[in-house]
Amino acid sequence: DAAAHAQAAQAVLAPVWASAPSEPVRVLHAQLQLLQGDVAGANADPDAARAAWQAARDLLLADAGPRLPFLRLEPLAQAHEALGDLARAAPLRQQLQASGFVGLPRPHHAPTATR
């Protein structure tokens, strides 16, 4: 079951993040939260999906300084899109496109406010 695997991965990653936070671990942690949101959304649990996507967004925005690290742009755009906040995702997507970045496709989500 995807939810159980995601929870198991979270159990492994959480202590790493707590003991040795770094930019790659932050992004991996956020990507896992995005995945957990996707799984919850696919399992018709919009509240859990929204909570996971918000947690990913908040983690990616935390401690960013004056300029968001490039590594955070794609998952942050995905979090905004999953939450239905396309206006905040658009400039991130533009920055990624301008850099030549091509990401992997993700599930399409209707804005959670309409669920």
C-alpha atoms as a PDB file:
ATOM      1  CA  ASP A   1       0.000   0.000   0.000  1.00  0.00           C
ATOM      2  CA  ALA A   2       1.460   3.339  -1.071  1.00  0.00           C
ATOM      3  CA  ALA A   3       0.407   5.172   2.083  1.00  0.00           C
ATOM      4  CA  ALA A   4       2.178   2.641   4.300  1.00  0.00           C
ATOM      5  CA  HIS A   5       5.366   2.844   2.229  1.00  0.00           C
ATOM      6  CA  ALA A   6       5.300   6.640   2.351  1.00  0.00           C
ATOM      7  CA  GLN A   7       4.839   6.540   6.133  1.00  0.00           C
ATOM      8  CA  ALA A   8       7.740   4.103   6.453  1.00  0.00           C
ATOM      9  CA  ALA A   9       9.934   6.388   4.354  1.00  0.00           C
ATOM     10  CA  GLN A  10       8.897   9.331   6.521  1.00  0.00           C
ATOM     11  CA  ALA A  11       9.872   7.361   9.639  1.00  0.00           C
ATOM     12  CA  VAL A  12      13.354   6.841   8.180  1.00  0.00           C
ATOM     13  CA  LEU A  13      13.775  10.404   6.939  1.00  0.00           C
ATOM     14  CA  ALA A  14      12.462  12.331   9.959  1.00  0.00           C
ATOM     15  CA  PRO A  15      15.409  11.504  12.251  1.00  0.00           C
ATOM     16  CA  VAL A  16      17.879  12.387   9.487  1.00  0.00           C
ATOM     17  CA  TRP A  17      16.205  15.770   9.044  1.00  0.00           C
ATOM     18  CA  ALA A  18      16.163  16.324  12.812  1.00  0.00           C
ATOM     19  CA  SER A  19      19.805  15.429  13.362  1.00  0.00           C
ATOM     20  CA  ALA A  20      21.438  16.746  10.190  1.00  0.00           C
ATOM     21  CA  PRO A  21      19.220  19.190   8.321  1.00  0.00           C
ATOM     22  CA  SER A  22      20.530  20.147   4.907  1.00  0.00           C
ATOM     23  CA  GLU A  23      19.080  21.513   1.711  1.00  0.00           C
ATOM     24  CA  PRO A  24      18.941  18.116  -0.089  1.00  0.00           C
ATOM     25  CA  VAL A  25      17.305  16.468   2.951  1.00  0.00           C
ATOM     26  CA  ARG A  26      14.810  19.359   3.205  1.00  0.00           C
ATOM     27  CA  VAL A  27      13.813  18.908  -0.427  1.00  0.00           C
ATOM     28  CA  LEU A  28      13.606  15.120  -0.114  1.00  0.00           C
ATOM     29  CA  HIS A  29      11.442  15.522   2.994  1.00  0.00           C
ATOM     30  CA  ALA A  30       9.157  17.959   1.138  1.00  0.00           C
ATOM     31  CA  GLN A  31       8.942  15.666  -1.892  1.00  0.00           C
ATOM     32  CA  LEU A  32       7.890  12.838   0.400  1.00  0.00           C
ATOM     33  CA  GLN A  33       5.184  15.075   1.886  1.00  0.00           C
ATOM     34  CA  LEU A  34       4.000  15.895  -1.641  1.00  0.00           C
ATOM     35  CA  LEU A  35       3.816  12.177  -2.378  1.00  0.00           C
ATOM     36  CA  GLN A  36       1.876  11.569   0.827  1.00  0.00           C
ATOM     37  CA  GLY A  37      -0.555  14.271  -0.259  1.00  0.00           C
ATOM     38  CA  ASP A  38      -0.919  12.668  -3.671  1.00  0.00           C
ATOM     39  CA  VAL A  39      -1.628   9.289  -2.073  1.00  0.00           C
ATOM     40  CA  ALA A  40      -4.172  10.810   0.297  1.00  0.00           C
ATOM     41  CA  GLY A  41      -5.819  12.612  -2.611  1.00  0.00           C
ATOM     42  CA  ALA A  42      -5.985   9.405  -4.620  1.00  0.00           C
ATOM     43  CA  ASN A  43      -7.554   7.712  -1.578  1.00  0.00           C
ATOM     44  CA  ALA A  44     -10.288  10.374  -1.412  1.00  0.00           C
ATOM     45  CA  ASP A  45      -8.926  12.018   1.747  1.00  0.00           C
ATOM     46  CA  PRO A  46      -8.747  15.697   0.777  1.00  0.00           C
ATOM     47  CA  ASP A  47      -8.065  16.888   4.331  1.00  0.00           C
ATOM     48  CA  ALA A  48      -4.987  14.677   4.681  1.00  0.00           C
ATOM     49  CA  ALA A  49      -3.877  15.597   1.164  1.00  0.00           C
ATOM     50  CA  ARG A  50      -4.166  19.313   1.863  1.00  0.00           C
ATOM     51  CA  ALA A  51      -2.320  18.947   5.184  1.00  0.00           C
ATOM     52  CA  ALA A  52       0.573  17.096   3.526  1.00  0.00           C
ATOM     53  CA  TRP A  53       0.817  19.605   0.662  1.00  0.00           C
ATOM     54  CA  GLN A  54       0.727  22.512   3.118  1.00  0.00           C
ATOM     55  CA  ALA A  55       3.463  20.872   5.202  1.00  0.00           C
ATOM     56  CA  ALA A  56       5.607  20.507   2.081  1.00  0.00           C
ATOM     57  CA  ARG A  57       4.983  24.132   1.106  1.00  0.00           C
ATOM     58  CA  ASP A  58       5.803  25.391   4.591  1.00  0.00           C
ATOM     59  CA  LEU A  59       8.995  23.344   4.795  1.00  0.00           C
ATOM     60  CA  LEU A  60      10.160  24.674   1.430  1.00  0.00           C
ATOM     61  CA  LEU A  61       9.437  28.293   2.382  1.00  0.00           C
ATOM     62  CA  ALA A  62      11.091  28.059   5.804  1.00  0.00           C
ATOM     63  CA  ASP A  63      14.542  29.566   6.260  1.00  0.00           C
ATOM     64  CA  ALA A  64      14.790  30.463   2.577  1.00  0.00           C
ATOM     65  CA  GLY A  65      16.552  33.776   3.078  1.00  0.00           C
ATOM     66  CA  PRO A  66      16.212  36.590   0.549  1.00  0.00           C
ATOM     67  CA  ARG A  67      16.379  34.247  -2.444  1.00  0.00           C
ATOM     68  CA  LEU A  68      14.766  30.817  -2.592  1.00  0.00           C
ATOM     69  CA  PRO A  69      17.362  28.099  -3.310  1.00  0.00           C
ATOM     70  CA  PHE A  70      16.947  26.705  -6.830  1.00  0.00           C
ATOM     71  CA  LEU A  71      16.582  23.164  -5.491  1.00  0.00           C
ATOM     72  CA  ARG A  72      13.312  24.189  -3.829  1.00  0.00           C
ATOM     73  CA  LEU A  73      11.634  25.741  -6.884  1.00  0.00           C
ATOM     74  CA  GLU A  74      10.153  22.620  -8.498  1.00  0.00           C
ATOM     75  CA  PRO A  75       8.693  21.020  -5.363  1.00  0.00           C
ATOM     76  CA  LEU A  76       7.399  24.390  -4.163  1.00  0.00           C
ATOM     77  CA  ALA A  77       5.670  24.952  -7.510  1.00  0.00           C
ATOM     78  CA  GLN A  78       4.178  21.465  -7.183  1.00  0.00           C
ATOM     79  CA  ALA A  79       2.938  22.212  -3.667  1.00  0.00           C
ATOM     80  CA  HIS A  80       1.308  25.471  -4.779  1.00  0.00           C
ATOM     81  CA  GLU A  81      -0.300  23.698  -7.744  1.00  0.00           C
ATOM     82  CA  ALA A  82      -1.607  20.850  -5.581  1.00  0.00           C
ATOM     83  CA  LEU A  83      -3.109  23.442  -3.238  1.00  0.00           C
ATOM     84  CA  GLY A  84      -4.735  25.223  -6.171  1.00  0.00           C
ATOM     85  CA  ASP A  85      -2.550  28.322  -5.830  1.00  0.00           C
ATOM     86  CA  LEU A  86      -1.573  28.684  -9.477  1.00  0.00           C
ATOM     87  CA  ALA A  87      -0.757  32.378  -9.074  1.00  0.00           C
ATOM     88  CA  ARG A  88       2.108  31.520  -6.705  1.00  0.00           C
ATOM     89  CA  ALA A  89       3.226  28.558  -8.815  1.00  0.00           C
ATOM     90  CA  ALA A  90       3.411  30.529 -12.078  1.00  0.00           C
ATOM     91  CA  PRO A  91       6.521  32.656 -11.335  1.00  0.00           C
ATOM     92  CA  LEU A  92       8.326  29.582 -10.036  1.00  0.00           C
ATOM     93  CA  ARG A  93       7.455  27.697 -13.229  1.00  0.00           C
ATOM     94  CA  GLN A  94       8.651  30.668 -15.291  1.00  0.00           C
ATOM     95  CA  GLN A  95      11.965  30.718 -13.441  1.00  0.00           C
ATOM     96  CA  LEU A  96      12.377  26.975 -13.939  1.00  0.00           C
ATOM     97  CA  GLN A  97      11.505  27.227 -17.636  1.00  0.00           C
ATOM     98  CA  ALA A  98      13.925  30.128 -18.124  1.00  0.00           C
ATOM     99  CA  SER A  99      16.699  27.971 -16.659  1.00  0.00           C
ATOM    100  CA  GLY A 100      15.912  25.091 -19.032  1.00  0.00           C
ATOM    101  CA  PHE A 101      14.684  22.863 -16.213  1.00  0.00           C
ATOM    102  CA  VAL A 102      12.407  19.994 -17.206  1.00  0.00           C
ATOM    103  CA  GLY A 103      10.728  18.181 -14.332  1.00  0.00           C
ATOM    104  CA  LEU A 104       9.006  14.849 -14.134  1.00  0.00           C
ATOM    105  CA  PRO A 105       5.222  14.807 -14.603  1.00  0.00           C
ATOM    106  CA  ARG A 106       3.060  14.578 -11.471  1.00  0.00           C
ATOM    107  CA  PRO A 107      -0.586  13.677 -10.957  1.00  0.00           C
ATOM    108  CA  HIS A 108      -2.985  16.464 -11.818  1.00  0.00           C
ATOM    109  CA  HIS A 109      -5.036  17.728  -8.922  1.00  0.00           C
ATOM    110  CA  ALA A 110      -8.109  19.897  -8.936  1.00  0.00           C
ATOM    111  CA  PRO A 111      -7.723  22.696  -6.389  1.00  0.00           C
ATOM    112  CA  THR A 112      -8.514  21.289  -2.961  1.00  0.00           C
ATOM    113  CA  ALA A 113     -10.965  24.096  -2.286  1.00  0.00           C
ATOM    114  CA  THR A 114     -13.303  22.542  -4.866  1.00  0.00           C
ATOM    115  CA  ARG A 115     -13.067  19.019  -3.465  1.00  0.00           C
END
